[in-house]
Amino acid sequence: MKHNPDDRRDNVDKIQFNINHTIRNMELAEEMIAKTDNEQTRRELKEKNKRRRQALNGMRAEIRDEALAKKNNYQE
């Protein structure tokens, strides 16, 4: 059985897609927070957005690393 080689050429695009998707989810959650009177729902959405902000920090660091690797033709 052959293993597929590690193809990192589209990693930057995939990470950027995930960043955009996460930001959109945060915006939708903020809209829900503004509309709901349910304190538990508000609290849960705020917690989710807190985790999303942390994830964004990680994704942004990862995209910088991948962009640099791409620029260097994935040479270590």
Protein backbone atom coordinates (compact mmCIF):
# COMPACT_ATOMS: atom_id res chain seq x y z
CA MET A 1 0.00 0.00 0.00
CA LYS A 2 1.46 3.35 -1.06
CA HIS A 3 1.24 6.36 1.21
CA ASN A 4 0.31 9.69 -0.31
CA PRO A 5 3.12 12.22 -0.12
CA ASP A 6 2.61 15.23 2.10
CA ASP A 7 1.16 17.88 -0.23
CA ARG A 8 1.22 21.22 1.56
CA ARG A 9 0.67 23.43 -1.48
CA ASP A 10 -2.91 24.33 -0.57
CA ASN A 11 -2.49 24.55 3.21
CA VAL A 12 -2.49 28.36 3.21
CA ASP A 13 -5.78 28.38 1.29
CA LYS A 14 -7.34 25.80 3.59
CA ILE A 15 -6.29 27.67 6.72
CA GLN A 16 -7.58 30.96 5.28
CA PHE A 17 -10.91 29.28 4.53
CA ASN A 18 -11.10 28.11 8.16
CA ILE A 19 -10.23 31.59 9.43
CA ASN A 20 -12.97 33.15 7.30
CA HIS A 21 -15.47 30.51 8.42
CA THR A 22 -14.59 31.03 12.10
CA ILE A 23 -14.94 34.81 11.82
CA ARG A 24 -18.34 34.39 10.17
CA ASN A 25 -19.47 32.07 12.98
CA MET A 26 -18.32 34.65 15.52
CA GLU A 27 -20.33 37.35 13.77
CA LEU A 28 -23.43 35.16 13.71
CA ALA A 29 -22.99 34.38 17.41
CA GLU A 30 -22.71 38.09 18.19
CA GLU A 31 -25.98 38.68 16.33
CA MET A 32 -27.62 35.93 18.37
CA ILE A 33 -26.25 37.38 21.61
CA ALA A 34 -27.80 40.73 20.74
CA LYS A 35 -31.19 39.15 19.96
CA THR A 36 -31.62 36.65 22.78
CA ASP A 37 -32.94 37.29 26.26
CA ASN A 38 -31.77 33.89 27.48
CA GLU A 39 -28.78 34.46 29.75
CA GLN A 40 -27.55 30.86 29.44
CA THR A 41 -27.55 31.10 25.64
CA ARG A 42 -25.67 34.40 25.86
CA ARG A 43 -23.08 32.91 28.19
CA GLU A 44 -22.60 29.83 26.00
CA LEU A 45 -22.21 31.92 22.84
CA LYS A 46 -19.73 34.22 24.55
CA GLU A 47 -17.70 31.20 25.67
CA LYS A 48 -17.76 29.78 22.13
CA ASN A 49 -16.52 33.08 20.75
CA LYS A 50 -13.76 33.15 23.34
CA ARG A 51 -12.60 29.72 22.15
CA ARG A 52 -12.94 30.85 18.54
CA ARG A 53 -10.68 33.87 19.22
CA GLN A 54 -8.09 31.52 20.69
CA ALA A 55 -8.39 29.23 17.67
CA LEU A 56 -7.97 32.22 15.35
CA ASN A 57 -4.71 33.11 17.05
CA GLY A 58 -3.45 29.60 16.42
CA MET A 59 -4.64 29.56 12.81
CA ARG A 60 -3.00 32.91 12.11
CA ALA A 61 0.30 31.64 13.49
CA GLU A 62 -0.06 28.48 11.42
CA ILE A 63 -0.83 30.41 8.23
CA ARG A 64 2.29 32.54 8.76
CA ASP A 65 4.38 29.38 9.15
CA GLU A 66 2.85 27.78 6.06
CA ALA A 67 3.25 30.95 3.97
CA LEU A 68 6.93 31.12 4.95
CA ALA A 69 7.42 27.44 4.16
CA LYS A 70 5.71 27.93 0.80
CA LYS A 71 7.94 30.92 0.05
CA ASN A 72 10.99 28.75 0.83
CA ASN A 73 9.66 25.92 -1.37
CA TYR A 74 9.09 23.78 1.75
CA GLN A 75 12.84 23.46 2.34
CA GLU A 76 13.79 23.11 5.99
